[in-house]
Amino acid sequence: MHHGHPPEYFNAFSSFFMTLIPLFLGLPKSMYFFYGGNLLLFNGFASFYYHFFLNFLGKQADEISMILISYFSIMGLIHMIHKDSTTKIKKYNLCNTLFAMCFMIFNTEIYFDFLFPYFFGIYVLFLLKCLYHVHRKFEIPMLQNLGLSFFGASCWFVSELYCNQYTQYGHILWHLFFPLGFYRIILDCDEIYNRETLL
């Protein structure tokens, strides 16, 4: 936090954990999840830059890469859920694309900065809905990893909406737990995606 004065040392250096996750666990093979994995690699560096310098460029690099990670992950999940319906894939991917575009447009206006946690929360809820349908369709175990991500996300929301000298450390827990649980789920989905030879 530092009342807007950089650097936020703990938040900055904990960001590198996000880059380490795909380096150690490996990158997905399917196209959409592969893009998301590479963006997570990038996001670790972007988040470090943002928290170290606390400038607008860093904010955009960090938050837009978060939006795009969600965007490509949802695209991959939509292809899994509706693999037998090109029409539904096109319809839901159009909705996904329009939401992501509107989100990024609003995010470039500094006046709307306070809206980011709300918009991102909506996106995460849609992502969870997609994961639920993939879980039901392919019986992928997700509970443990969702628990990790939920804990990290809860810490982040508290630190974003009620930031003080204590809750600011929730952002570090977000960097550690949310991407780890989420990425492990994506790797499980990627394995099924490739096994089912989804194109």
Protein backbone atom coordinates (compact mmCIF):
# COMPACT_ATOMS: atom_id res chain seq x y z
CA MET A 1 0.00 0.00 0.00
CA HIS A 2 2.50 2.68 1.19
CA HIS A 3 -0.20 5.34 0.61
CA GLY A 4 0.61 5.39 -3.11
CA HIS A 5 4.37 5.69 -2.62
CA PRO A 6 6.51 2.99 -4.26
CA PRO A 7 7.92 0.49 -3.88
CA GLU A 8 5.66 -2.16 -2.36
CA TYR A 9 8.48 -4.62 -1.73
CA PHE A 10 6.47 -7.62 -0.51
CA ASN A 11 3.84 -7.32 -3.24
CA ALA A 12 6.51 -6.77 -5.90
CA PHE A 13 8.74 -9.74 -5.11
CA SER A 14 5.86 -12.14 -4.37
CA SER A 15 4.72 -11.47 -7.95
CA PHE A 16 7.57 -13.60 -9.29
CA PHE A 17 5.86 -16.68 -7.85
CA MET A 18 3.31 -16.34 -10.67
CA THR A 19 6.10 -16.59 -13.24
CA LEU A 20 7.54 -19.64 -11.50
CA ILE A 21 4.26 -21.60 -11.62
CA PRO A 22 4.20 -22.31 -15.39
CA LEU A 23 7.99 -22.65 -15.44
CA PHE A 24 7.89 -25.50 -12.89
CA LEU A 25 4.52 -27.07 -13.77
CA GLY A 26 4.96 -26.71 -17.54
CA LEU A 27 2.94 -24.95 -20.21
CA PRO A 28 -0.36 -26.33 -21.53
CA LYS A 29 -0.36 -27.86 -25.01
CA SER A 30 -3.74 -26.70 -26.33
CA MET A 31 -3.80 -23.28 -27.97
CA TYR A 32 -6.06 -21.23 -25.66
CA PHE A 33 -4.62 -22.62 -22.41
CA PHE A 34 -1.10 -22.22 -23.85
CA TYR A 35 -1.76 -18.50 -24.38
CA GLY A 36 -3.03 -18.23 -20.81
CA GLY A 37 0.07 -19.98 -19.47
CA ASN A 38 2.40 -17.64 -21.33
CA LEU A 39 0.44 -14.63 -20.12
CA LEU A 40 0.84 -15.86 -16.54
CA LEU A 41 4.61 -15.91 -17.14
CA PHE A 42 4.35 -12.32 -18.33
CA ASN A 43 2.02 -11.31 -15.51
CA GLY A 44 4.61 -12.11 -12.86
CA PHE A 45 6.99 -9.56 -14.37
CA ALA A 46 4.19 -7.05 -15.04
CA SER A 47 2.93 -7.32 -11.48
CA PHE A 48 6.46 -6.86 -10.12
CA TYR A 49 6.88 -3.71 -12.22
CA TYR A 50 3.51 -2.35 -11.10
CA HIS A 51 4.07 -2.90 -7.38
CA PHE A 52 7.65 -1.66 -7.52
CA PHE A 53 6.94 1.59 -9.37
CA LEU A 54 3.18 2.07 -8.83
CA ASN A 55 2.68 3.83 -12.15
CA PHE A 56 -0.11 3.73 -14.74
CA LEU A 57 1.92 1.70 -17.26
CA GLY A 58 2.52 -1.01 -14.67
CA LYS A 59 -1.14 -1.01 -13.68
CA GLN A 60 -2.20 -1.62 -17.27
CA ALA A 61 0.44 -4.32 -17.86
CA ASP A 62 -0.62 -6.17 -14.70
CA GLU A 63 -4.37 -5.87 -15.02
CA ILE A 64 -4.74 -6.30 -18.79
CA SER A 65 -2.66 -9.49 -18.66
CA MET A 66 -5.00 -10.71 -15.89
CA ILE A 67 -7.98 -9.98 -18.12
CA LEU A 68 -6.39 -11.80 -21.07
CA ILE A 69 -5.49 -14.85 -18.96
CA SER A 70 -9.17 -15.10 -18.02
CA TYR A 71 -10.24 -14.45 -21.61
CA PHE A 72 -8.18 -17.25 -23.17
CA SER A 73 -8.94 -19.68 -20.34
CA ILE A 74 -12.67 -19.12 -20.78
CA MET A 75 -12.33 -19.60 -24.55
CA GLY A 76 -10.67 -22.97 -23.98
CA LEU A 77 -13.33 -24.01 -21.48
CA ILE A 78 -16.13 -22.96 -23.85
CA HIS A 79 -14.63 -25.21 -26.55
CA MET A 80 -14.63 -28.10 -24.06
CA ILE A 81 -18.21 -27.54 -22.86
CA HIS A 82 -19.73 -27.09 -26.33
CA LYS A 83 -17.39 -29.20 -28.42
CA ASP A 84 -20.33 -30.56 -30.45
CA SER A 85 -21.93 -27.18 -31.20
CA THR A 86 -20.06 -24.66 -33.34
CA THR A 87 -23.00 -22.26 -32.99
CA LYS A 88 -22.78 -22.21 -29.18
CA ILE A 89 -18.99 -21.88 -29.28
CA LYS A 90 -19.31 -18.81 -31.53
CA LYS A 91 -22.10 -17.30 -29.41
CA TYR A 92 -20.37 -17.67 -26.04
CA ASN A 93 -16.96 -16.69 -27.40
CA LEU A 94 -18.54 -13.53 -28.83
CA CYS A 95 -19.93 -12.70 -25.37
CA ASN A 96 -16.53 -13.43 -23.84
CA THR A 97 -14.77 -11.21 -26.38
CA LEU A 98 -17.20 -8.30 -25.97
CA PHE A 99 -16.92 -8.41 -22.17
CA ALA A 100 -13.11 -8.53 -22.31
CA MET A 101 -13.02 -5.62 -24.76
CA CYS A 102 -15.35 -3.46 -22.66
CA PHE A 103 -13.41 -4.38 -19.53
CA MET A 104 -10.09 -3.30 -21.09
CA ILE A 105 -11.58 -0.08 -22.48
CA PHE A 106 -12.93 0.94 -19.07
CA ASN A 107 -9.67 -0.12 -17.44
CA THR A 108 -7.63 2.37 -19.50
CA GLU A 109 -9.51 5.28 -17.88
CA ILE A 110 -7.88 6.07 -14.53
CA TYR A 111 -11.20 7.48 -13.23
CA PHE A 112 -12.68 3.95 -13.32
CA ASP A 113 -9.74 2.38 -11.46
CA PHE A 114 -11.94 1.57 -8.46
CA LEU A 115 -14.14 -0.65 -10.67
CA PHE A 116 -11.41 -3.20 -11.50
CA PRO A 117 -12.05 -5.58 -8.57
CA TYR A 118 -15.78 -5.61 -9.37
CA PHE A 119 -15.36 -6.24 -13.10
CA PHE A 120 -12.70 -8.86 -12.46
CA GLY A 121 -14.92 -10.50 -9.87
CA ILE A 122 -17.67 -10.81 -12.48
CA TYR A 123 -15.18 -12.36 -14.90
CA VAL A 124 -14.00 -14.84 -12.26
CA LEU A 125 -17.61 -15.83 -11.56
CA PHE A 126 -18.14 -16.56 -15.26
CA LEU A 127 -14.88 -18.54 -15.26
CA LEU A 128 -16.12 -20.55 -12.27
CA LYS A 129 -19.39 -21.26 -14.09
CA CYS A 130 -17.43 -22.62 -17.04
CA LEU A 131 -15.26 -24.73 -14.72
CA TYR A 132 -18.39 -26.15 -13.09
CA HIS A 133 -19.74 -27.28 -16.47
CA VAL A 134 -16.36 -28.78 -17.45
CA HIS A 135 -16.22 -30.57 -14.09
CA ARG A 136 -19.68 -32.08 -14.66
CA LYS A 137 -18.96 -33.03 -18.28
CA PHE A 138 -15.52 -34.57 -17.80
CA GLU A 139 -15.49 -35.37 -14.04
CA ILE A 140 -12.27 -33.43 -13.41
CA PRO A 141 -11.50 -33.17 -9.65
CA MET A 142 -11.21 -29.49 -8.77
CA LEU A 143 -12.23 -28.98 -5.14
CA GLN A 144 -8.75 -28.81 -3.59
CA ASN A 145 -7.39 -26.43 -6.22
CA LEU A 146 -10.54 -24.30 -6.14
CA GLY A 147 -10.05 -24.03 -2.38
CA LEU A 148 -6.54 -22.65 -2.91
CA SER A 149 -7.77 -20.13 -5.46
CA PHE A 150 -10.79 -19.13 -3.37
CA PHE A 151 -8.57 -18.41 -0.38
CA GLY A 152 -6.22 -16.29 -2.51
CA ALA A 153 -9.10 -14.46 -4.20
CA SER A 154 -10.77 -13.70 -0.87
CA CYS A 155 -7.55 -12.19 0.46
CA TRP A 156 -7.23 -10.07 -2.69
CA PHE A 157 -10.80 -8.74 -2.57
CA VAL A 158 -10.39 -7.76 1.08
CA SER A 159 -7.05 -6.04 0.38
CA GLU A 160 -8.51 -4.21 -2.65
CA LEU A 161 -11.73 -3.03 -1.05
CA TYR A 162 -10.61 -2.50 2.58
CA CYS A 163 -6.89 -1.84 2.31
CA ASN A 164 -5.13 -0.93 5.58
CA GLN A 165 -1.86 -1.73 7.35
CA TYR A 166 -3.06 -5.29 8.03
CA THR A 167 -5.15 -6.30 5.02
CA GLN A 168 -2.47 -5.08 2.55
CA TYR A 169 -0.69 -8.41 3.06
CA GLY A 170 -3.68 -10.18 1.54
CA HIS A 171 -2.30 -9.16 -1.84
CA ILE A 172 0.77 -11.33 -1.23
CA LEU A 173 -1.47 -14.33 -0.46
CA TRP A 174 -3.37 -13.61 -3.68
CA HIS A 175 -0.10 -13.82 -5.63
CA LEU A 176 0.69 -17.18 -4.04
CA PHE A 177 -2.58 -19.10 -3.84
CA PHE A 178 -4.96 -17.91 -6.57
CA PRO A 179 -2.71 -18.57 -9.59
CA LEU A 180 -1.42 -21.88 -8.19
CA GLY A 181 -4.88 -23.40 -7.72
CA PHE A 182 -6.20 -21.94 -10.97
CA TYR A 183 -3.22 -23.05 -13.07
CA ARG A 184 -3.35 -26.62 -11.74
CA ILE A 185 -7.01 -26.78 -12.79
CA ILE A 186 -6.14 -25.43 -16.24
CA LEU A 187 -3.45 -28.10 -16.64
CA ASP A 188 -6.01 -30.79 -15.77
CA CYS A 189 -8.43 -29.30 -18.31
CA ASP A 190 -5.64 -29.12 -20.88
CA GLU A 191 -4.96 -32.83 -20.45
CA ILE A 192 -8.61 -33.65 -21.14
CA TYR A 193 -8.72 -31.13 -24.00
CA ASN A 194 -5.85 -32.90 -25.75
CA ARG A 195 -7.13 -36.36 -24.94
CA GLU A 196 -10.47 -35.54 -26.51
CA THR A 197 -8.60 -34.08 -29.53
CA LEU A 198 -10.66 -30.91 -29.42
CA LEU A 199 -9.90 -28.57 -32.29
